[in-house]
C-alpha atoms as a PDB file:
ATOM      1  CA  MET A   1      81.116  -4.223   7.739  1.00  0.00           C
ATOM      2  CA  THR A   2      81.852  -7.802   8.766  1.00  0.00           C
ATOM      3  CA  THR A   3      79.782 -10.698  10.187  1.00  0.00           C
ATOM      4  CA  ASP A   4      81.229 -10.159  13.239  1.00  0.00           C
ATOM      5  CA  HIS A   5      79.534  -6.564  13.148  1.00  0.00           C
ATOM      6  CA  ILE A   6      76.314  -7.818  11.887  1.00  0.00           C
ATOM      7  CA  ALA A   7      75.714 -10.870  14.459  1.00  0.00           C
ATOM      8  CA  GLY A   8      76.258  -8.670  17.247  1.00  0.00           C
ATOM      9  CA  HIS A   9      72.558  -7.079  15.712  1.00  0.00           C
ATOM     10  CA  LEU A  10      71.359 -10.566  16.325  1.00  0.00           C
ATOM     11  CA  ARG A  11      72.320 -10.497  20.168  1.00  0.00           C
ATOM     12  CA  ALA A  12      69.570  -9.799  22.906  1.00  0.00           C
ATOM     13  CA  GLY A  13      69.483  -5.988  23.125  1.00  0.00           C
ATOM     14  CA  GLY A  14      70.280  -5.663  19.245  1.00  0.00           C
ATOM     15  CA  HIS A  15      73.839  -4.316  19.623  1.00  0.00           C
ATOM     16  CA  PRO A  16      76.786  -5.282  18.659  1.00  0.00           C
ATOM     17  CA  PRO A  17      78.964  -5.369  21.346  1.00  0.00           C
ATOM     18  CA  GLY A  18      81.394  -2.223  21.562  1.00  0.00           C
ATOM     19  CA  GLY A  19      78.871  -0.345  20.030  1.00  0.00           C
ATOM     20  CA  VAL A  20      79.940   0.011  15.852  1.00  0.00           C
ATOM     21  CA  ARG A  21      83.503  -2.307  16.458  1.00  0.00           C
ATOM     22  CA  ASP A  22      83.486  -5.405  15.131  1.00  0.00           C
ATOM     23  CA  HIS A  23      84.544  -8.237  17.516  1.00  0.00           C
ATOM     24  CA  ALA A  24      85.672 -11.950  16.926  1.00  0.00           C
ATOM     25  CA  ASP A  25      83.445 -13.043  20.145  1.00  0.00           C
ATOM     26  CA  VAL A  26      80.627 -12.731  17.965  1.00  0.00           C
ATOM     27  CA  ARG A  27      79.106 -15.584  16.195  1.00  0.00           C
ATOM     28  CA  VAL A  28      76.679 -15.662  13.220  1.00  0.00           C
ATOM     29  CA  ARG A  29      73.865 -17.938  13.675  1.00  0.00           C
ATOM     30  CA  GLN A  30      71.396 -18.717  10.848  1.00  0.00           C
ATOM     31  CA  HIS A  31      68.030 -17.761  12.451  1.00  0.00           C
ATOM     32  CA  SER A  32      65.794 -20.345  12.304  1.00  0.00           C
ATOM     33  CA  LEU A  33      61.863 -18.996  11.660  1.00  0.00           C
ATOM     34  CA  PRO A  34      59.140 -21.114  14.024  1.00  0.00           C
ATOM     35  CA  ARG A  35      58.375 -24.513  12.868  1.00  0.00           C
ATOM     36  CA  THR A  36      54.837 -23.025  11.790  1.00  0.00           C
ATOM     37  CA  TYR A  37      55.995 -21.425   9.311  1.00  0.00           C
ATOM     38  CA  THR A  38      55.506 -24.462   6.213  1.00  0.00           C
ATOM     39  CA  ALA A  39      52.168 -25.088   7.371  1.00  0.00           C
ATOM     40  CA  PHE A  40      51.301 -21.050   7.349  1.00  0.00           C
ATOM     41  CA  ALA A  41      53.390 -21.294   3.891  1.00  0.00           C
ATOM     42  CA  ALA A  42      50.828 -23.847   2.691  1.00  0.00           C
ATOM     43  CA  LEU A  43      47.729 -22.190   3.245  1.00  0.00           C
ATOM     44  CA  PRO A  44      45.661 -20.404   0.644  1.00  0.00           C
ATOM     45  CA  ASP A  45      46.745 -16.786  -0.652  1.00  0.00           C
ATOM     46  CA  ALA A  46      44.016 -14.281   0.686  1.00  0.00           C
ATOM     47  CA  THR A  47      43.026 -12.324  -2.306  1.00  0.00           C
ATOM     48  CA  GLY A  48      45.147  -9.162  -3.970  1.00  0.00           C
ATOM     49  CA  GLU A  49      42.279  -6.976  -2.432  1.00  0.00           C
ATOM     50  CA  GLN A  50      42.800  -8.813   0.918  1.00  0.00           C
ATOM     51  CA  THR A  51      46.293  -8.670   1.322  1.00  0.00           C
ATOM     52  CA  ALA A  52      46.504  -4.635  -0.218  1.00  0.00           C
ATOM     53  CA  ALA A  53      44.521  -4.258   2.667  1.00  0.00           C
ATOM     54  CA  VAL A  54      45.997  -6.139   5.494  1.00  0.00           C
ATOM     55  CA  VAL A  55      49.261  -4.601   4.484  1.00  0.00           C
ATOM     56  CA  GLN A  56      48.167  -0.741   4.627  1.00  0.00           C
ATOM     57  CA  VAL A  57      46.777  -1.708   8.116  1.00  0.00           C
ATOM     58  CA  LEU A  58      50.123  -3.242   9.024  1.00  0.00           C
ATOM     59  CA  ALA A  59      51.751   0.054   7.997  1.00  0.00           C
ATOM     60  CA  ARG A  60      49.830   1.841  10.322  1.00  0.00           C
ATOM     61  CA  TYR A  61      51.514   0.070  13.050  1.00  0.00           C
ATOM     62  CA  GLY A  62      54.519   1.535  12.502  1.00  0.00           C
ATOM     63  CA  HIS A  63      53.555   5.565  12.115  1.00  0.00           C
ATOM     64  CA  ALA A  64      51.222   5.200  15.107  1.00  0.00           C
ATOM     65  CA  ILE A  65      54.028   3.792  17.629  1.00  0.00           C
ATOM     66  CA  ASP A  66      56.319   6.212  16.008  1.00  0.00           C
ATOM     67  CA  THR A  67      54.190   9.436  16.593  1.00  0.00           C
ATOM     68  CA  GLY A  68      53.007   7.771  20.016  1.00  0.00           C
ATOM     69  CA  ASP A  69      49.078   7.959  18.128  1.00  0.00           C
ATOM     70  CA  ALA A  70      46.709   6.009  20.168  1.00  0.00           C
ATOM     71  CA  SER A  71      43.859   6.567  17.400  1.00  0.00           C
ATOM     72  CA  LEU A  72      46.201   5.003  15.104  1.00  0.00           C
ATOM     73  CA  LEU A  73      47.218   2.371  17.001  1.00  0.00           C
ATOM     74  CA  ALA A  74      43.321   1.542  17.296  1.00  0.00           C
ATOM     75  CA  GLN A  75      43.309   1.124  13.450  1.00  0.00           C
ATOM     76  CA  VAL A  76      45.615  -1.725  13.589  1.00  0.00           C
ATOM     77  CA  PHE A  77      44.499  -3.794  16.696  1.00  0.00           C
ATOM     78  CA  LEU A  78      41.241  -4.899  17.599  1.00  0.00           C
ATOM     79  CA  ASP A  79      41.971  -4.388  21.519  1.00  0.00           C
ATOM     80  CA  PRO A  80      44.773  -2.060  21.037  1.00  0.00           C
ATOM     81  CA  PRO A  81      47.909  -2.050  23.650  1.00  0.00           C
ATOM     82  CA  GLY A  82      48.916   1.036  25.754  1.00  0.00           C
ATOM     83  CA  LEU A  83      51.841   3.039  24.020  1.00  0.00           C
ATOM     84  CA  ASP A  84      54.818   2.869  26.355  1.00  0.00           C
ATOM     85  CA  PRO A  85      56.967   5.751  25.158  1.00  0.00           C
ATOM     86  CA  THR A  86      60.341   4.763  27.539  1.00  0.00           C
ATOM     87  CA  THR A  87      60.695   1.808  25.157  1.00  0.00           C
ATOM     88  CA  ALA A  88      59.999   3.530  21.850  1.00  0.00           C
ATOM     89  CA  SER A  89      62.563   3.110  18.787  1.00  0.00           C
ATOM     90  CA  PRO A  90      62.686   6.047  16.447  1.00  0.00           C
ATOM     91  CA  ALA A  91      61.195   3.764  13.460  1.00  0.00           C
ATOM     92  CA  HIS A  92      59.567   1.163  13.096  1.00  0.00           C
ATOM     93  CA  HIS A  93      58.935  -0.734   9.723  1.00  0.00           C
ATOM     94  CA  THR A  94      56.516  -3.774   8.601  1.00  0.00           C
ATOM     95  CA  VAL A  95      57.909  -5.333   5.838  1.00  0.00           C
ATOM     96  CA  ASN A  96      57.981  -8.737   3.446  1.00  0.00           C
ATOM     97  CA  THR A  97      53.936  -9.296   4.614  1.00  0.00           C
ATOM     98  CA  GLU A  98      52.652 -12.807   3.290  1.00  0.00           C
ATOM     99  CA  VAL A  99      48.475 -12.311   3.669  1.00  0.00           C
ATOM    100  CA  LYS A 100      46.975 -16.144   3.688  1.00  0.00           C
ATOM    101  CA  ARG A 101      43.058 -17.369   4.314  1.00  0.00           C
ATOM    102  CA  VAL A 102      42.304 -19.127   7.611  1.00  0.00           C
ATOM    103  CA  PRO A 103      38.480 -20.001   8.957  1.00  0.00           C
ATOM    104  CA  GLY A 104      37.163 -16.725  10.369  1.00  0.00           C
ATOM    105  CA  GLY A 105      39.750 -14.084   8.568  1.00  0.00           C
ATOM    106  CA  LEU A 106      43.229 -13.905   7.596  1.00  0.00           C
ATOM    107  CA  ALA A 107      46.595 -14.828   9.062  1.00  0.00           C
ATOM    108  CA  ALA A 108      49.823 -12.834   8.219  1.00  0.00           C
ATOM    109  CA  TRP A 109      53.256 -13.360   8.401  1.00  0.00           C
ATOM    110  CA  SER A 110      55.706 -10.199   8.595  1.00  0.00           C
ATOM    111  CA  ARG A 111      59.085  -9.238   9.663  1.00  0.00           C
ATOM    112  CA  LEU A 112      59.456  -6.102  11.948  1.00  0.00           C
ATOM    113  CA  LEU A 113      62.580  -3.964  12.047  1.00  0.00           C
ATOM    114  CA  THR A 114      63.478  -1.211  14.370  1.00  0.00           C
ATOM    115  CA  ILE A 115      66.256   1.497  14.138  1.00  0.00           C
ATOM    116  CA  ALA A 116      67.119   2.989  17.217  1.00  0.00           C
ATOM    117  CA  GLY A 117      68.730   6.676  17.492  1.00  0.00           C
ATOM    118  CA  ASP A 118      72.463   5.041  17.824  1.00  0.00           C
ATOM    119  CA  GLY A 119      71.596   3.477  14.087  1.00  0.00           C
ATOM    120  CA  SER A 120      71.286  -0.331  15.930  1.00  0.00           C
ATOM    121  CA  VAL A 121      68.525  -2.614  14.050  1.00  0.00           C
ATOM    122  CA  ALA A 122      66.923  -5.080  15.162  1.00  0.00           C
ATOM    123  CA  SER A 123      64.030  -7.392  13.773  1.00  0.00           C
ATOM    124  CA  ALA A 124      62.020  -9.769  14.552  1.00  0.00           C
ATOM    125  CA  ASP A 125      59.081 -12.082  12.626  1.00  0.00           C
ATOM    126  CA  ALA A 126      55.295 -10.921  13.863  1.00  0.00           C
ATOM    127  CA  VAL A 127      52.589 -13.480  12.717  1.00  0.00           C
ATOM    128  CA  ASP A 128      48.895 -11.555  13.052  1.00  0.00           C
ATOM    129  CA  SER A 129      45.754 -13.178  12.992  1.00  0.00           C
ATOM    130  CA  LEU A 130      43.430 -10.446  11.574  1.00  0.00           C
ATOM    131  CA  VAL A 131      39.514 -10.485  11.655  1.00  0.00           C
ATOM    132  CA  GLU A 132      36.936  -7.971   9.586  1.00  0.00           C
ATOM    133  CA  THR A 133      34.999  -5.387  11.338  1.00  0.00           C
ATOM    134  CA  ALA A 134      32.908  -2.656   9.927  1.00  0.00           C
ATOM    135  CA  ASP A 135      35.792  -0.339  10.144  1.00  0.00           C
ATOM    136  CA  GLY A 136      38.164  -2.743   7.789  1.00  0.00           C
ATOM    137  CA  TRP A 137      40.475  -5.777   8.827  1.00  0.00           C
ATOM    138  CA  ARG A 138      41.869  -5.232  12.684  1.00  0.00           C
ATOM    139  CA  VAL A 139      44.552  -7.289  14.174  1.00  0.00           C
ATOM    140  CA  ALA A 140      43.339  -9.643  16.892  1.00  0.00           C
ATOM    141  CA  THR A 141      46.070 -11.821  18.258  1.00  0.00           C
ATOM    142  CA  ARG A 142      49.972 -11.110  17.345  1.00  0.00           C
ATOM    143  CA  THR A 143      52.899 -12.806  17.949  1.00  0.00           C
ATOM    144  CA  VAL A 144      56.623 -11.612  17.832  1.00  0.00           C
ATOM    145  CA  HIS A 145      59.061 -14.130  17.636  1.00  0.00           C
ATOM    146  CA  PRO A 146      62.754 -11.672  17.949  1.00  0.00           C
ATOM    147  CA  ARG A 147      65.039 -12.890  15.417  1.00  0.00           C
ATOM    148  CA  HIS A 148      68.325 -12.292  17.724  1.00  0.00           C
ATOM    149  CA  GLY A 149      66.991 -15.444  19.168  1.00  0.00           C
ATOM    150  CA  GLY A 150      65.140 -14.711  22.320  1.00  0.00           C
ATOM    151  CA  PRO A 151      61.534 -15.683  23.575  1.00  0.00           C
ATOM    152  CA  ALA A 152      58.682 -15.245  21.662  1.00  0.00           C
ATOM    153  CA  VAL A 153      57.296 -11.416  23.465  1.00  0.00           C
ATOM    154  CA  ILE A 154      53.923 -11.436  22.900  1.00  0.00           C
ATOM    155  CA  THR A 155      52.023 -14.471  22.459  1.00  0.00           C
ATOM    156  CA  ASP A 156      48.481 -16.014  22.656  1.00  0.00           C
ATOM    157  CA  GLY A 157      49.891 -19.044  22.715  1.00  0.00           C
ATOM    158  CA  THR A 158      48.509 -20.372  19.476  1.00  0.00           C
ATOM    159  CA  ALA A 159      48.845 -19.937  15.452  1.00  0.00           C
ATOM    160  CA  PRO A 160      46.025 -19.283  13.888  1.00  0.00           C
ATOM    161  CA  TRP A 161      45.595 -21.870  10.908  1.00  0.00           C
ATOM    162  CA  ALA A 162      46.462 -24.500  13.728  1.00  0.00           C
END
């Protein structure tokens, strides 16, 4: 694969132009993380136990979305979103999760990867604010920043550490 093909996955829609062929009209652009990452990185780390619990919760997201399991999605979010089977990709992955302590709970910064049936891949940064409930940690708010340069598609407009 050339950088032209890889850069195609960074385009809106996440697909290289012309399917799997490479084209010279695609430019590779370095993705810039949202500017708040520096502030996030400076926060105190969560404990190992808290981090493990949050990673488990966020891993359930992919399983819930991929299987269309609303009860499993309720184990991820405080107020779970509805499932829309028309926008599903066959594989969702949450990786590279960092967990920090913030007033009132925890904040997590993760990479979301989706792999479509045609093999195309898209990624985004997910920034979650988590609260502890009687049933364990739950995502209270989530902001998703697509790495293909699009606007944040889900946001409440605030950073949990601001």
